[in-house]
Amino acid sequence: MGLLLNNISKFVDGKMHLQDVNLELQAGERYVLLGRTLAGKTSLLRIMAGLDRPTSGQVMVDGLDVTGVSVRKRSVAMVYQQFINYPSLTVYNNIASPLKVAGRSKDEIDRRVRRLASVLHIEGLLDRLPAELSGGQQQRTAIARALVKESHLLLLDEPLVNLDYKLREELRDELLQLFEKRESIVVYTTTEPIEALMLG
């Protein structure tokens, strides 16, 4: 899969969020967007995902214009700064939810959920609810839910920013290993130059 952003601009209430952004991203590659807070990183990810439309410009996937195509019709997964999990679902069902929506078999769901839970060291937490987890465990759950989809485009919007330093270091190393095994386009945003160097 190839993703092309062609002269992307985004204005909100007359204020410029992005102007004339041109990027070409290829499958199996990892990209890091480094910028200060409010630099437009999240705005760009949301346009890549199909959550927002640019004011002008085109989003192309394998030569097809998908600028107005909904995120639901794209092969995309996204992890946010906040720990976004379904509070009434167990860790297992949080991770499994995208596969259930996609109509995967029970066996496939179970295999993929347990494999990712093991990789992210949350296999002992699968029966717990998000409220019973630490911040790091909640973010691992959110990351597992995004990764389990095996989407063509994986977007991570400062996913480690709310974790303490030790946890950030630990998860960063694990993410690097996970990214190396994926054939998708991975885009990771950060405000930290050292993190950008390590992940890029």
C-alpha atoms as a PDB file:
ATOM      1  CA  MET A   1       0.000   0.000   0.000  1.00  0.00           C
ATOM      2  CA  GLY A   2       1.159   3.523  -0.775  1.00  0.00           C
ATOM      3  CA  LEU A   3      -0.266   6.660   0.818  1.00  0.00           C
ATOM      4  CA  LEU A   4       0.190  10.037  -0.850  1.00  0.00           C
ATOM      5  CA  LEU A   5      -0.748  13.386   0.678  1.00  0.00           C
ATOM      6  CA  ASN A   6      -0.944  15.929  -2.095  1.00  0.00           C
ATOM      7  CA  ASN A   7      -0.925  19.656  -1.134  1.00  0.00           C
ATOM      8  CA  ILE A   8      -2.957  19.084   2.041  1.00  0.00           C
ATOM      9  CA  SER A   9      -4.176  22.225   3.812  1.00  0.00           C
ATOM     10  CA  LYS A  10      -6.547  22.486   6.755  1.00  0.00           C
ATOM     11  CA  PHE A  11      -8.148  25.670   8.052  1.00  0.00           C
ATOM     12  CA  VAL A  12     -10.498  25.740  11.060  1.00  0.00           C
ATOM     13  CA  ASP A  13     -12.478  28.901  11.798  1.00  0.00           C
ATOM     14  CA  GLY A  14     -10.102  30.812   9.543  1.00  0.00           C
ATOM     15  CA  LYS A  15      -7.014  29.554  11.390  1.00  0.00           C
ATOM     16  CA  MET A  16      -4.373  27.549   9.548  1.00  0.00           C
ATOM     17  CA  HIS A  17      -3.704  24.112  11.026  1.00  0.00           C
ATOM     18  CA  LEU A  18      -1.836  22.700   8.005  1.00  0.00           C
ATOM     19  CA  GLN A  19      -0.627  24.253   4.770  1.00  0.00           C
ATOM     20  CA  ASP A  20       0.556  22.552   1.568  1.00  0.00           C
ATOM     21  CA  VAL A  21       1.703  19.294   3.159  1.00  0.00           C
ATOM     22  CA  ASN A  22       3.124  16.761   0.684  1.00  0.00           C
ATOM     23  CA  LEU A  23       4.115  13.278   1.887  1.00  0.00           C
ATOM     24  CA  GLU A  24       4.623   9.913   0.226  1.00  0.00           C
ATOM     25  CA  LEU A  25       4.479   6.886   2.549  1.00  0.00           C
ATOM     26  CA  GLN A  26       5.160   3.250   1.661  1.00  0.00           C
ATOM     27  CA  ALA A  27       4.038  -0.072   3.158  1.00  0.00           C
ATOM     28  CA  GLY A  28       6.478  -1.742   5.527  1.00  0.00           C
ATOM     29  CA  GLU A  29       8.015   1.592   6.513  1.00  0.00           C
ATOM     30  CA  ARG A  30       7.923   3.503   9.805  1.00  0.00           C
ATOM     31  CA  TYR A  31       7.572   7.290   9.862  1.00  0.00           C
ATOM     32  CA  VAL A  32       7.897   9.682  12.803  1.00  0.00           C
ATOM     33  CA  LEU A  33       6.365  13.154  12.885  1.00  0.00           C
ATOM     34  CA  LEU A  34       8.232  15.364  15.346  1.00  0.00           C
ATOM     35  CA  GLY A  35       6.739  18.692  16.384  1.00  0.00           C
ATOM     36  CA  ARG A  36       5.756  20.781  19.341  1.00  0.00           C
ATOM     37  CA  THR A  37       2.255  20.696  20.822  1.00  0.00           C
ATOM     38  CA  LEU A  38      -0.310  22.323  18.471  1.00  0.00           C
ATOM     39  CA  ALA A  39       2.029  21.976  15.476  1.00  0.00           C
ATOM     40  CA  GLY A  40      -0.674  20.104  13.521  1.00  0.00           C
ATOM     41  CA  LYS A  41       0.441  16.491  14.045  1.00  0.00           C
ATOM     42  CA  THR A  42      -2.978  15.248  15.192  1.00  0.00           C
ATOM     43  CA  SER A  43      -4.732  17.198  12.430  1.00  0.00           C
ATOM     44  CA  LEU A  44      -2.538  15.458   9.867  1.00  0.00           C
ATOM     45  CA  LEU A  45      -3.164  11.994  11.340  1.00  0.00           C
ATOM     46  CA  ARG A  46      -6.918  12.576  11.377  1.00  0.00           C
ATOM     47  CA  ILE A  47      -6.824  13.491   7.684  1.00  0.00           C
ATOM     48  CA  MET A  48      -4.704  10.408   6.897  1.00  0.00           C
ATOM     49  CA  ALA A  49      -7.234   8.256   8.760  1.00  0.00           C
ATOM     50  CA  GLY A  50     -10.295   9.737   7.096  1.00  0.00           C
ATOM     51  CA  LEU A  51     -11.676  11.169  10.349  1.00  0.00           C
ATOM     52  CA  ASP A  52     -11.410  14.721   8.954  1.00  0.00           C
ATOM     53  CA  ARG A  53     -11.396  16.154   5.447  1.00  0.00           C
ATOM     54  CA  PRO A  54      -8.721  18.623   4.378  1.00  0.00           C
ATOM     55  CA  THR A  55      -9.796  22.105   3.312  1.00  0.00           C
ATOM     56  CA  SER A  56      -7.859  21.467   0.105  1.00  0.00           C
ATOM     57  CA  GLY A  57      -5.612  18.783  -1.329  1.00  0.00           C
ATOM     58  CA  GLN A  58      -5.926  15.055  -1.894  1.00  0.00           C
ATOM     59  CA  VAL A  59      -5.336  11.850   0.048  1.00  0.00           C
ATOM     60  CA  MET A  60      -4.407   9.051  -2.353  1.00  0.00           C
ATOM     61  CA  VAL A  61      -4.151   5.329  -1.555  1.00  0.00           C
ATOM     62  CA  ASP A  62      -2.532   3.228  -4.262  1.00  0.00           C
ATOM     63  CA  GLY A  63      -3.395   5.875  -6.830  1.00  0.00           C
ATOM     64  CA  LEU A  64      -7.060   6.202  -5.787  1.00  0.00           C
ATOM     65  CA  ASP A  65      -8.420   9.438  -4.339  1.00  0.00           C
ATOM     66  CA  VAL A  66      -9.861   8.584  -0.884  1.00  0.00           C
ATOM     67  CA  THR A  67     -10.113  12.181   0.385  1.00  0.00           C
ATOM     68  CA  GLY A  68     -13.833  11.938   1.126  1.00  0.00           C
ATOM     69  CA  VAL A  69     -13.898   8.250   2.063  1.00  0.00           C
ATOM     70  CA  SER A  70     -14.964   7.508   5.657  1.00  0.00           C
ATOM     71  CA  VAL A  71     -12.547   5.926   8.116  1.00  0.00           C
ATOM     72  CA  ARG A  72     -14.967   2.962   8.305  1.00  0.00           C
ATOM     73  CA  LYS A  73     -14.221   2.145   4.673  1.00  0.00           C
ATOM     74  CA  ARG A  74     -10.442   2.334   5.095  1.00  0.00           C
ATOM     75  CA  SER A  75      -7.949  -0.135   6.518  1.00  0.00           C
ATOM     76  CA  VAL A  76      -6.740   2.061   9.380  1.00  0.00           C
ATOM     77  CA  ALA A  77      -6.120   1.800  13.132  1.00  0.00           C
ATOM     78  CA  MET A  78      -5.263   4.643  15.494  1.00  0.00           C
ATOM     79  CA  VAL A  79      -3.893   4.929  19.040  1.00  0.00           C
ATOM     80  CA  TYR A  80      -4.374   8.187  20.937  1.00  0.00           C
ATOM     81  CA  GLN A  81      -2.624   9.918  23.860  1.00  0.00           C
ATOM     82  CA  GLN A  82      -5.567   9.116  26.133  1.00  0.00           C
ATOM     83  CA  PHE A  83      -6.299   5.544  27.163  1.00  0.00           C
ATOM     84  CA  ILE A  84      -9.413   4.943  25.085  1.00  0.00           C
ATOM     85  CA  ASN A  85     -10.959   1.596  26.023  1.00  0.00           C
ATOM     86  CA  TYR A  86     -14.559   0.449  26.360  1.00  0.00           C
ATOM     87  CA  PRO A  87     -15.160   0.652  30.159  1.00  0.00           C
ATOM     88  CA  SER A  88     -17.804  -2.104  30.278  1.00  0.00           C
ATOM     89  CA  LEU A  89     -15.718  -4.634  28.305  1.00  0.00           C
ATOM     90  CA  THR A  90     -12.949  -6.839  29.653  1.00  0.00           C
ATOM     91  CA  VAL A  91      -9.433  -6.418  28.295  1.00  0.00           C
ATOM     92  CA  TYR A  92     -10.026  -9.511  26.137  1.00  0.00           C
ATOM     93  CA  ASN A  93     -13.200  -8.088  24.605  1.00  0.00           C
ATOM     94  CA  ASN A  94     -11.653  -4.638  24.144  1.00  0.00           C
ATOM     95  CA  ILE A  95      -8.867  -6.163  22.070  1.00  0.00           C
ATOM     96  CA  ALA A  96     -11.254  -8.513  20.257  1.00  0.00           C
ATOM     97  CA  SER A  97     -13.817  -5.828  19.370  1.00  0.00           C
ATOM     98  CA  PRO A  98     -12.440  -4.868  15.907  1.00  0.00           C
ATOM     99  CA  LEU A  99     -12.216  -8.530  14.915  1.00  0.00           C
ATOM    100  CA  LYS A 100     -15.805  -9.200  16.051  1.00  0.00           C
ATOM    101  CA  VAL A 101     -17.035  -6.238  13.999  1.00  0.00           C
ATOM    102  CA  ALA A 102     -15.123  -7.658  11.005  1.00  0.00           C
ATOM    103  CA  GLY A 103     -16.885 -11.006  11.470  1.00  0.00           C
ATOM    104  CA  ARG A 104     -13.780 -13.095  12.189  1.00  0.00           C
ATOM    105  CA  SER A 105     -14.184 -16.626  13.547  1.00  0.00           C
ATOM    106  CA  LYS A 106     -14.004 -17.263  17.298  1.00  0.00           C
ATOM    107  CA  ASP A 107     -10.848 -19.327  16.881  1.00  0.00           C
ATOM    108  CA  GLU A 108      -9.072 -16.622  14.893  1.00  0.00           C
ATOM    109  CA  ILE A 109     -10.154 -13.934  17.375  1.00  0.00           C
ATOM    110  CA  ASP A 110      -8.924 -15.974  20.327  1.00  0.00           C
ATOM    111  CA  ARG A 111      -5.583 -16.754  18.681  1.00  0.00           C
ATOM    112  CA  ARG A 112      -4.885 -13.151  17.669  1.00  0.00           C
ATOM    113  CA  VAL A 113      -6.012 -11.613  20.972  1.00  0.00           C
ATOM    114  CA  ARG A 114      -3.911 -13.991  23.067  1.00  0.00           C
ATOM    115  CA  ARG A 115      -0.840 -13.610  20.839  1.00  0.00           C
ATOM    116  CA  LEU A 116      -0.878  -9.808  21.094  1.00  0.00           C
ATOM    117  CA  ALA A 117      -1.695  -9.862  24.809  1.00  0.00           C
ATOM    118  CA  SER A 118       1.371 -12.043  25.320  1.00  0.00           C
ATOM    119  CA  VAL A 119       3.609  -9.744  23.258  1.00  0.00           C
ATOM    120  CA  LEU A 120       2.410  -6.712  25.249  1.00  0.00           C
ATOM    121  CA  HIS A 121       2.612  -8.544  28.602  1.00  0.00           C
ATOM    122  CA  ILE A 122      -1.078  -8.242  29.489  1.00  0.00           C
ATOM    123  CA  GLU A 123      -2.014 -11.925  29.078  1.00  0.00           C
ATOM    124  CA  GLY A 124      -2.771 -12.162  32.814  1.00  0.00           C
ATOM    125  CA  LEU A 125      -5.206  -9.234  32.651  1.00  0.00           C
ATOM    126  CA  LEU A 126      -7.613 -10.427  29.955  1.00  0.00           C
ATOM    127  CA  ASP A 127     -10.544 -10.905  32.383  1.00  0.00           C
ATOM    128  CA  ARG A 128     -10.181  -7.475  34.002  1.00  0.00           C
ATOM    129  CA  LEU A 129     -12.084  -4.277  33.239  1.00  0.00           C
ATOM    130  CA  PRO A 130     -10.165  -1.107  32.225  1.00  0.00           C
ATOM    131  CA  ALA A 131     -10.951   0.569  35.584  1.00  0.00           C
ATOM    132  CA  GLU A 132      -8.929  -2.177  37.306  1.00  0.00           C
ATOM    133  CA  LEU A 133      -5.797  -1.438  35.245  1.00  0.00           C
ATOM    134  CA  SER A 134      -2.881   0.944  35.667  1.00  0.00           C
ATOM    135  CA  GLY A 135      -2.291   3.648  33.047  1.00  0.00           C
ATOM    136  CA  GLY A 136       0.392   1.575  31.374  1.00  0.00           C
ATOM    137  CA  GLN A 137      -1.835  -1.501  31.243  1.00  0.00           C
ATOM    138  CA  GLN A 138      -4.697   0.540  29.781  1.00  0.00           C
ATOM    139  CA  GLN A 139      -2.452   1.926  27.057  1.00  0.00           C
ATOM    140  CA  ARG A 140      -1.133  -1.558  26.276  1.00  0.00           C
ATOM    141  CA  THR A 141      -4.755  -2.657  25.858  1.00  0.00           C
ATOM    142  CA  ALA A 142      -5.479   0.252  23.499  1.00  0.00           C
ATOM    143  CA  ILE A 143      -2.334  -0.517  21.481  1.00  0.00           C
ATOM    144  CA  ALA A 144      -3.269  -4.218  21.276  1.00  0.00           C
ATOM    145  CA  ARG A 145      -6.756  -3.310  20.018  1.00  0.00           C
ATOM    146  CA  ALA A 146      -5.204  -1.181  17.245  1.00  0.00           C
ATOM    147  CA  LEU A 147      -2.586  -3.786  16.298  1.00  0.00           C
ATOM    148  CA  VAL A 148      -4.981  -6.747  16.254  1.00  0.00           C
ATOM    149  CA  LYS A 149      -6.741  -5.329  13.174  1.00  0.00           C
ATOM    150  CA  GLU A 150      -3.570  -5.727  11.095  1.00  0.00           C
ATOM    151  CA  SER A 151      -4.658  -2.669   9.118  1.00  0.00           C
ATOM    152  CA  HIS A 152      -2.692  -1.197   6.213  1.00  0.00           C
ATOM    153  CA  LEU A 153      -2.250   2.110   8.047  1.00  0.00           C
ATOM    154  CA  LEU A 154      -1.349   2.320  11.744  1.00  0.00           C
ATOM    155  CA  LEU A 155      -1.380   5.800  13.299  1.00  0.00           C
ATOM    156  CA  LEU A 156      -0.026   6.470  16.802  1.00  0.00           C
ATOM    157  CA  ASP A 157      -0.658   9.955  18.194  1.00  0.00           C
ATOM    158  CA  GLU A 158       1.829  10.451  21.061  1.00  0.00           C
ATOM    159  CA  PRO A 159       0.699   7.148  22.621  1.00  0.00           C
ATOM    160  CA  LEU A 160       3.287   7.194  25.431  1.00  0.00           C
ATOM    161  CA  VAL A 161       3.026  10.838  26.511  1.00  0.00           C
ATOM    162  CA  ASN A 162       0.862  10.157  29.591  1.00  0.00           C
ATOM    163  CA  LEU A 163       3.062   7.383  30.972  1.00  0.00           C
ATOM    164  CA  ASP A 164       5.920   7.705  33.442  1.00  0.00           C
ATOM    165  CA  TYR A 165       9.474   7.604  32.109  1.00  0.00           C
ATOM    166  CA  LYS A 166      10.208   3.960  32.980  1.00  0.00           C
ATOM    167  CA  LEU A 167       6.994   2.741  31.356  1.00  0.00           C
ATOM    168  CA  ARG A 168       7.600   4.898  28.282  1.00  0.00           C
ATOM    169  CA  GLU A 169      11.031   3.363  27.830  1.00  0.00           C
ATOM    170  CA  GLU A 170       9.695  -0.167  28.217  1.00  0.00           C
ATOM    171  CA  LEU A 171       6.776   0.296  25.825  1.00  0.00           C
ATOM    172  CA  ARG A 172       8.930   2.126  23.269  1.00  0.00           C
ATOM    173  CA  ASP A 173      11.220  -0.903  23.014  1.00  0.00           C
ATOM    174  CA  GLU A 174       8.251  -3.238  22.631  1.00  0.00           C
ATOM    175  CA  LEU A 175       6.687  -1.046  19.947  1.00  0.00           C
ATOM    176  CA  LEU A 176       9.918  -1.034  17.958  1.00  0.00           C
ATOM    177  CA  GLN A 177       9.881  -4.834  17.860  1.00  0.00           C
ATOM    178  CA  LEU A 178       6.205  -4.893  16.859  1.00  0.00           C
ATOM    179  CA  PHE A 179       6.703  -2.331  14.078  1.00  0.00           C
ATOM    180  CA  GLU A 180       9.542  -4.327  12.542  1.00  0.00           C
ATOM    181  CA  LYS A 181       7.224  -7.308  12.023  1.00  0.00           C
ATOM    182  CA  ARG A 182       4.482  -5.338  10.260  1.00  0.00           C
ATOM    183  CA  GLU A 183       3.949  -4.717   6.558  1.00  0.00           C
ATOM    184  CA  SER A 184       1.686  -1.732   7.179  1.00  0.00           C
ATOM    185  CA  ILE A 185       2.532   1.957   7.028  1.00  0.00           C
ATOM    186  CA  VAL A 186       3.266   3.098  10.595  1.00  0.00           C
ATOM    187  CA  VAL A 187       3.101   6.810  11.474  1.00  0.00           C
ATOM    188  CA  TYR A 188       4.106   7.840  15.004  1.00  0.00           C
ATOM    189  CA  THR A 189       3.928  11.369  16.391  1.00  0.00           C
ATOM    190  CA  THR A 190       5.929  12.783  19.268  1.00  0.00           C
ATOM    191  CA  THR A 191       7.106  16.062  20.793  1.00  0.00           C
ATOM    192  CA  GLU A 192      10.307  14.398  22.028  1.00  0.00           C
ATOM    193  CA  PRO A 193      13.399  14.563  19.747  1.00  0.00           C
ATOM    194  CA  ILE A 194      15.064  11.581  21.500  1.00  0.00           C
ATOM    195  CA  GLU A 195      11.938   9.453  21.069  1.00  0.00           C
ATOM    196  CA  ALA A 196      11.780  10.469  17.392  1.00  0.00           C
ATOM    197  CA  LEU A 197      15.387   9.389  16.877  1.00  0.00           C
ATOM    198  CA  MET A 198      14.873   6.065  18.651  1.00  0.00           C
ATOM    199  CA  LEU A 199      11.661   5.148  16.815  1.00  0.00           C
ATOM    200  CA  GLY A 200      12.655   6.603  13.446  1.00  0.00           C
END
